[in-house]
């Protein structure tokens, strides 16, 4: 199990890029933090989620 934005999810073994796609996030509009470290966008497709990981996803929202 990993924690995403405070919620436990059974997603160990997939990449952050795969998770973002499944969850409907656009990688160019988010910042991903894994275990208190920012993951560069270029690494999202190769960074594998492991049991115990804590992931925070921050999404940019435009407004006016």
PDB file of N, CA and C in Angstrom:
ATOM      1  N   UNK A   1       0.837  -1.184   0.000  1.00  0.00           N
ATOM      2  CA  UNK A   1       0.000   0.000   0.000  1.00  0.00           C
ATOM      3  C   UNK A   1       0.880   1.246   0.000  1.00  0.00           C
ATOM      4  N   UNK A   2       0.431   2.243  -0.694  1.00  0.00           N
ATOM      5  CA  UNK A   2       1.065   3.560  -0.701  1.00  0.00           C
ATOM      6  C   UNK A   2      -0.010   4.577  -0.323  1.00  0.00           C
ATOM      7  N   UNK A   3       0.414   5.736   0.099  1.00  0.00           N
ATOM      8  CA  UNK A   3      -0.522   6.790   0.465  1.00  0.00           C
ATOM      9  C   UNK A   3      -0.437   7.897  -0.575  1.00  0.00           C
ATOM     10  N   UNK A   4      -1.569   8.261  -1.165  1.00  0.00           N
ATOM     11  CA  UNK A   4      -1.629   9.333  -2.150  1.00  0.00           C
ATOM     12  C   UNK A   4      -2.554  10.412  -1.608  1.00  0.00           C
ATOM     13  N   UNK A   5      -1.988  11.588  -1.394  1.00  0.00           N
ATOM     14  CA  UNK A   5      -2.760  12.712  -0.851  1.00  0.00           C
ATOM     15  C   UNK A   5      -3.553  12.304   0.391  1.00  0.00           C
ATOM     16  N   UNK A   6      -2.904  11.524   1.264  1.00  0.00           N
ATOM     17  CA  UNK A   6      -3.511  11.138   2.526  1.00  0.00           C
ATOM     18  C   UNK A   6      -4.427   9.936   2.478  1.00  0.00           C
ATOM     19  N   UNK A   7      -4.566   9.308   1.318  1.00  0.00           N
ATOM     20  CA  UNK A   7      -5.477   8.172   1.151  1.00  0.00           C
ATOM     21  C   UNK A   7      -4.679   6.921   0.769  1.00  0.00           C
ATOM     22  N   UNK A   8      -4.892   5.826   1.491  1.00  0.00           N
ATOM     23  CA  UNK A   8      -4.197   4.571   1.201  1.00  0.00           C
ATOM     24  C   UNK A   8      -4.717   3.966  -0.099  1.00  0.00           C
ATOM     25  N   UNK A   9      -3.770   3.564  -0.951  1.00  0.00           N
ATOM     26  CA  UNK A   9      -4.143   2.946  -2.234  1.00  0.00           C
ATOM     27  C   UNK A   9      -3.212   1.775  -2.511  1.00  0.00           C
ATOM     28  N   UNK A  10      -3.746   0.743  -3.129  1.00  0.00           N
ATOM     29  CA  UNK A  10      -2.968  -0.438  -3.472  1.00  0.00           C
ATOM     30  C   UNK A  10      -2.397  -0.269  -4.880  1.00  0.00           C
ATOM     31  N   UNK A  11      -1.329   0.512  -4.985  1.00  0.00           N
ATOM     32  CA  UNK A  11      -0.763   0.849  -6.298  1.00  0.00           C
ATOM     33  C   UNK A  11       0.723   0.528  -6.400  1.00  0.00           C
ATOM     34  N   UNK A  12       1.258  -0.195  -5.436  1.00  0.00           N
ATOM     35  CA  UNK A  12       2.677  -0.543  -5.474  1.00  0.00           C
ATOM     36  C   UNK A  12       2.975  -1.340  -6.739  1.00  0.00           C
ATOM     37  N   UNK A  13       4.103  -1.010  -7.374  1.00  0.00           N
ATOM     38  CA  UNK A  13       4.539  -1.737  -8.556  1.00  0.00           C
ATOM     39  C   UNK A  13       4.292  -1.025  -9.874  1.00  0.00           C
ATOM     40  N   UNK A  14       3.473   0.011  -9.873  1.00  0.00           N
ATOM     41  CA  UNK A  14       3.282   0.779 -11.107  1.00  0.00           C
ATOM     42  C   UNK A  14       4.108   2.065 -11.018  1.00  0.00           C
ATOM     43  N   UNK A  15       4.298   2.712 -12.145  1.00  0.00           N
ATOM     44  CA  UNK A  15       5.070   3.957 -12.127  1.00  0.00           C
ATOM     45  C   UNK A  15       4.164   5.136 -11.780  1.00  0.00           C
ATOM     46  N   UNK A  16       4.793   6.211 -11.376  1.00  0.00           N
ATOM     47  CA  UNK A  16       4.035   7.426 -11.106  1.00  0.00           C
ATOM     48  C   UNK A  16       3.298   7.885 -12.361  1.00  0.00           C
ATOM     49  N   UNK A  17       3.934   7.757 -13.515  1.00  0.00           N
ATOM     50  CA  UNK A  17       3.289   8.135 -14.776  1.00  0.00           C
ATOM     51  C   UNK A  17       2.034   7.323 -15.028  1.00  0.00           C
ATOM     52  N   UNK A  18       2.101   6.014 -14.767  1.00  0.00           N
ATOM     53  CA  UNK A  18       0.924   5.154 -14.938  1.00  0.00           C
ATOM     54  C   UNK A  18      -0.183   5.572 -13.967  1.00  0.00           C
ATOM     55  N   UNK A  19       0.190   5.848 -12.730  1.00  0.00           N
ATOM     56  CA  UNK A  19      -0.812   6.259 -11.747  1.00  0.00           C
ATOM     57  C   UNK A  19      -1.493   7.554 -12.189  1.00  0.00           C
ATOM     58  N   UNK A  20      -0.703   8.531 -12.619  1.00  0.00           N
ATOM     59  CA  UNK A  20      -1.279   9.808 -13.042  1.00  0.00           C
ATOM     60  C   UNK A  20      -2.269   9.608 -14.185  1.00  0.00           C
ATOM     61  N   UNK A  21      -1.905   8.764 -15.147  1.00  0.00           N
ATOM     62  CA  UNK A  21      -2.795   8.503 -16.284  1.00  0.00           C
ATOM     63  C   UNK A  21      -4.088   7.839 -15.822  1.00  0.00           C
ATOM     64  N   UNK A  22      -3.976   6.840 -14.962  1.00  0.00           N
ATOM     65  CA  UNK A  22      -5.170   6.135 -14.457  1.00  0.00           C
ATOM     66  C   UNK A  22      -6.089   7.068 -13.680  1.00  0.00           C
ATOM     67  N   UNK A  23      -5.475   7.989 -12.926  1.00  0.00           N
ATOM     68  CA  UNK A  23      -6.250   8.886 -12.068  1.00  0.00           C
ATOM     69  C   UNK A  23      -6.744  10.124 -12.815  1.00  0.00           C
ATOM     70  N   UNK A  24      -6.344  10.269 -14.089  1.00  0.00           N
ATOM     71  CA  UNK A  24      -6.838  11.372 -14.902  1.00  0.00           C
ATOM     72  C   UNK A  24      -6.078  12.680 -14.766  1.00  0.00           C
ATOM     73  N   UNK A  25      -4.870  12.625 -14.219  1.00  0.00           N
ATOM     74  CA  UNK A  25      -4.042  13.823 -14.108  1.00  0.00           C
ATOM     75  C   UNK A  25      -3.253  14.051 -15.398  1.00  0.00           C
ATOM     76  N   UNK A  26      -3.045  15.307 -15.744  1.00  0.00           N
ATOM     77  CA  UNK A  26      -2.156  15.664 -16.847  1.00  0.00           C
ATOM     78  C   UNK A  26      -0.791  15.957 -16.249  1.00  0.00           C
ATOM     79  N   UNK A  27       0.233  15.192 -16.611  1.00  0.00           N
ATOM     80  CA  UNK A  27       1.553  15.358 -16.001  1.00  0.00           C
ATOM     81  C   UNK A  27       2.112  16.775 -16.099  1.00  0.00           C
ATOM     82  N   UNK A  28       1.771  17.488 -17.155  1.00  0.00           N
ATOM     83  CA  UNK A  28       2.293  18.851 -17.316  1.00  0.00           C
ATOM     84  C   UNK A  28       1.602  19.856 -16.395  1.00  0.00           C
ATOM     85  N   UNK A  29       0.550  19.425 -15.714  1.00  0.00           N
ATOM     86  CA  UNK A  29      -0.203  20.325 -14.826  1.00  0.00           C
ATOM     87  C   UNK A  29      -0.085  19.964 -13.353  1.00  0.00           C
ATOM     88  N   UNK A  30       0.831  19.041 -13.025  1.00  0.00           N
ATOM     89  CA  UNK A  30       0.985  18.629 -11.629  1.00  0.00           C
ATOM     90  C   UNK A  30       2.441  18.650 -11.197  1.00  0.00           C
ATOM     91  N   UNK A  31       2.611  18.692  -9.894  1.00  0.00           N
ATOM     92  CA  UNK A  31       3.906  18.462  -9.265  1.00  0.00           C
ATOM     93  C   UNK A  31       3.707  17.249  -8.364  1.00  0.00           C
ATOM     94  N   UNK A  32       4.636  16.300  -8.436  1.00  0.00           N
ATOM     95  CA  UNK A  32       4.519  15.086  -7.644  1.00  0.00           C
ATOM     96  C   UNK A  32       5.667  15.033  -6.641  1.00  0.00           C
ATOM     97  N   UNK A  33       5.291  14.797  -5.393  1.00  0.00           N
ATOM     98  CA  UNK A  33       6.274  14.630  -4.327  1.00  0.00           C
ATOM     99  C   UNK A  33       6.169  13.197  -3.833  1.00  0.00           C
ATOM    100  N   UNK A  34       7.308  12.528  -3.751  1.00  0.00           N
ATOM    101  CA  UNK A  34       7.349  11.148  -3.258  1.00  0.00           C
ATOM    102  C   UNK A  34       8.309  11.093  -2.083  1.00  0.00           C
ATOM    103  N   UNK A  35       7.804  10.711  -0.942  1.00  0.00           N
ATOM    104  CA  UNK A  35       8.610  10.621   0.275  1.00  0.00           C
ATOM    105  C   UNK A  35       9.382  11.915   0.538  1.00  0.00           C
ATOM    106  N   UNK A  36       8.667  13.027   0.440  1.00  0.00           N
ATOM    107  CA  UNK A  36       9.165  14.377   0.729  1.00  0.00           C
ATOM    108  C   UNK A  36      10.167  14.915  -0.291  1.00  0.00           C
ATOM    109  N   UNK A  37      10.266  14.279  -1.452  1.00  0.00           N
ATOM    110  CA  UNK A  37      11.155  14.767  -2.515  1.00  0.00           C
ATOM    111  C   UNK A  37      10.365  14.955  -3.803  1.00  0.00           C
ATOM    112  N   UNK A  38      10.570  16.102  -4.454  1.00  0.00           N
ATOM    113  CA  UNK A  38       9.922  16.374  -5.738  1.00  0.00           C
ATOM    114  C   UNK A  38      10.479  15.418  -6.795  1.00  0.00           C
ATOM    115  N   UNK A  39       9.597  14.820  -7.566  1.00  0.00           N
ATOM    116  CA  UNK A  39      10.008  13.929  -8.652  1.00  0.00           C
ATOM    117  C   UNK A  39       9.991  14.738  -9.950  1.00  0.00           C
ATOM    118  N   UNK A  40      11.140  14.846 -10.629  1.00  0.00           N
ATOM    119  CA  UNK A  40      11.147  15.575 -11.906  1.00  0.00           C
ATOM    120  C   UNK A  40      10.195  14.923 -12.909  1.00  0.00           C
ATOM    121  N   UNK A  41       9.548  15.745 -13.735  1.00  0.00           N
ATOM    122  CA  UNK A  41       8.618  15.199 -14.738  1.00  0.00           C
ATOM    123  C   UNK A  41       9.288  14.143 -15.609  1.00  0.00           C
ATOM    124  N   UNK A  42      10.550  14.347 -15.909  1.00  0.00           N
ATOM    125  CA  UNK A  42      11.263  13.397 -16.765  1.00  0.00           C
ATOM    126  C   UNK A  42      11.417  12.021 -16.109  1.00  0.00           C
ATOM    127  N   UNK A  43      11.177  11.933 -14.806  1.00  0.00           N
ATOM    128  CA  UNK A  43      11.325  10.666 -14.082  1.00  0.00           C
ATOM    129  C   UNK A  43       9.995   9.995 -13.747  1.00  0.00           C
ATOM    130  N   UNK A  44       8.871  10.632 -14.079  1.00  0.00           N
ATOM    131  CA  UNK A  44       7.569  10.071 -13.715  1.00  0.00           C
ATOM    132  C   UNK A  44       7.328   8.697 -14.337  1.00  0.00           C
ATOM    133  N   UNK A  45       7.775   8.515 -15.563  1.00  0.00           N
ATOM    134  CA  UNK A  45       7.562   7.249 -16.258  1.00  0.00           C
ATOM    135  C   UNK A  45       8.457   6.126 -15.798  1.00  0.00           C
ATOM    136  N   UNK A  46       9.498   6.440 -15.048  1.00  0.00           N
ATOM    137  CA  UNK A  46      10.422   5.394 -14.598  1.00  0.00           C
ATOM    138  C   UNK A  46      10.477   5.240 -13.085  1.00  0.00           C
ATOM    139  N   UNK A  47       9.759   6.081 -12.351  1.00  0.00           N
ATOM    140  CA  UNK A  47       9.762   5.989 -10.891  1.00  0.00           C
ATOM    141  C   UNK A  47       8.643   5.050 -10.448  1.00  0.00           C
ATOM    142  N   UNK A  48       9.039   3.920  -9.880  1.00  0.00           N
ATOM    143  CA  UNK A  48       8.084   2.896  -9.468  1.00  0.00           C
ATOM    144  C   UNK A  48       7.614   3.179  -8.043  1.00  0.00           C
ATOM    145  N   UNK A  49       6.320   3.082  -7.850  1.00  0.00           N
ATOM    146  CA  UNK A  49       5.721   3.263  -6.526  1.00  0.00           C
ATOM    147  C   UNK A  49       5.946   1.987  -5.723  1.00  0.00           C
ATOM    148  N   UNK A  50       6.412   2.161  -4.493  1.00  0.00           N
ATOM    149  CA  UNK A  50       6.697   1.018  -3.623  1.00  0.00           C
ATOM    150  C   UNK A  50       5.798   1.050  -2.387  1.00  0.00           C
ATOM    151  N   UNK A  51       5.635  -0.118  -1.778  1.00  0.00           N
ATOM    152  CA  UNK A  51       4.876  -0.186  -0.527  1.00  0.00           C
ATOM    153  C   UNK A  51       5.457   0.802   0.471  1.00  0.00           C
ATOM    154  N   UNK A  52       4.589   1.542   1.126  1.00  0.00           N
ATOM    155  CA  UNK A  52       5.013   2.490   2.143  1.00  0.00           C
ATOM    156  C   UNK A  52       5.311   3.881   1.626  1.00  0.00           C
ATOM    157  N   UNK A  53       5.321   4.064   0.299  1.00  0.00           N
ATOM    158  CA  UNK A  53       5.577   5.397  -0.249  1.00  0.00           C
ATOM    159  C   UNK A  53       4.466   6.359   0.145  1.00  0.00           C
ATOM    160  N   UNK A  54       4.868   7.597   0.354  1.00  0.00           N
ATOM    161  CA  UNK A  54       3.923   8.682   0.608  1.00  0.00           C
ATOM    162  C   UNK A  54       4.016   9.637  -0.571  1.00  0.00           C
ATOM    163  N   UNK A  55       2.907   9.793  -1.285  1.00  0.00           N
ATOM    164  CA  UNK A  55       2.892  10.593  -2.510  1.00  0.00           C
ATOM    165  C   UNK A  55       1.899  11.736  -2.345  1.00  0.00           C
ATOM    166  N   UNK A  56       2.347  12.907  -2.715  1.00  0.00           N
ATOM    167  CA  UNK A  56       1.469  14.082  -2.733  1.00  0.00           C
ATOM    168  C   UNK A  56       1.444  14.596  -4.169  1.00  0.00           C
ATOM    169  N   UNK A  57       0.254  14.862  -4.681  1.00  0.00           N
ATOM    170  CA  UNK A  57       0.097  15.383  -6.032  1.00  0.00           C
ATOM    171  C   UNK A  57      -0.565  16.758  -5.919  1.00  0.00           C
ATOM    172  N   UNK A  58       0.131  17.753  -6.416  1.00  0.00           N
ATOM    173  CA  UNK A  58      -0.374  19.111  -6.413  1.00  0.00           C
ATOM    174  C   UNK A  58      -0.733  19.477  -7.847  1.00  0.00           C
ATOM    175  N   UNK A  59      -1.964  19.898  -8.063  1.00  0.00           N
ATOM    176  CA  UNK A  59      -2.427  20.236  -9.409  1.00  0.00           C
ATOM    177  C   UNK A  59      -2.580  21.747  -9.547  1.00  0.00           C
ATOM    178  N   UNK A  60      -2.059  22.264 -10.638  1.00  0.00           N
ATOM    179  CA  UNK A  60      -2.182  23.692 -10.923  1.00  0.00           C
ATOM    180  C   UNK A  60      -3.570  23.989 -11.467  1.00  0.00           C
ATOM    181  N   UNK A  61      -4.179  25.021 -10.935  1.00  0.00           N
ATOM    182  CA  UNK A  61      -5.512  25.420 -11.358  1.00  0.00           C
ATOM    183  C   UNK A  61      -5.480  26.885 -11.733  1.00  0.00           C
ATOM    184  N   UNK A  62      -5.984  27.205 -12.915  1.00  0.00           N
ATOM    185  CA  UNK A  62      -6.031  28.602 -13.352  1.00  0.00           C
ATOM    186  C   UNK A  62      -7.265  29.285 -12.792  1.00  0.00           C
ATOM    187  N   UNK A  63      -7.170  30.566 -12.674  1.00  0.00           N
ATOM    188  CA  UNK A  63      -8.313  31.311 -12.175  1.00  0.00           C
ATOM    189  C   UNK A  63      -8.214  32.754 -12.621  1.00  0.00           C
ATOM    190  N   UNK A  64      -9.199  33.502 -12.265  1.00  0.00           N
ATOM    191  CA  UNK A  64      -9.127  34.865 -12.721  1.00  0.00           C
ATOM    192  C   UNK A  64      -9.866  35.833 -11.873  1.00  0.00           C
TER     193      UNK A  64
END
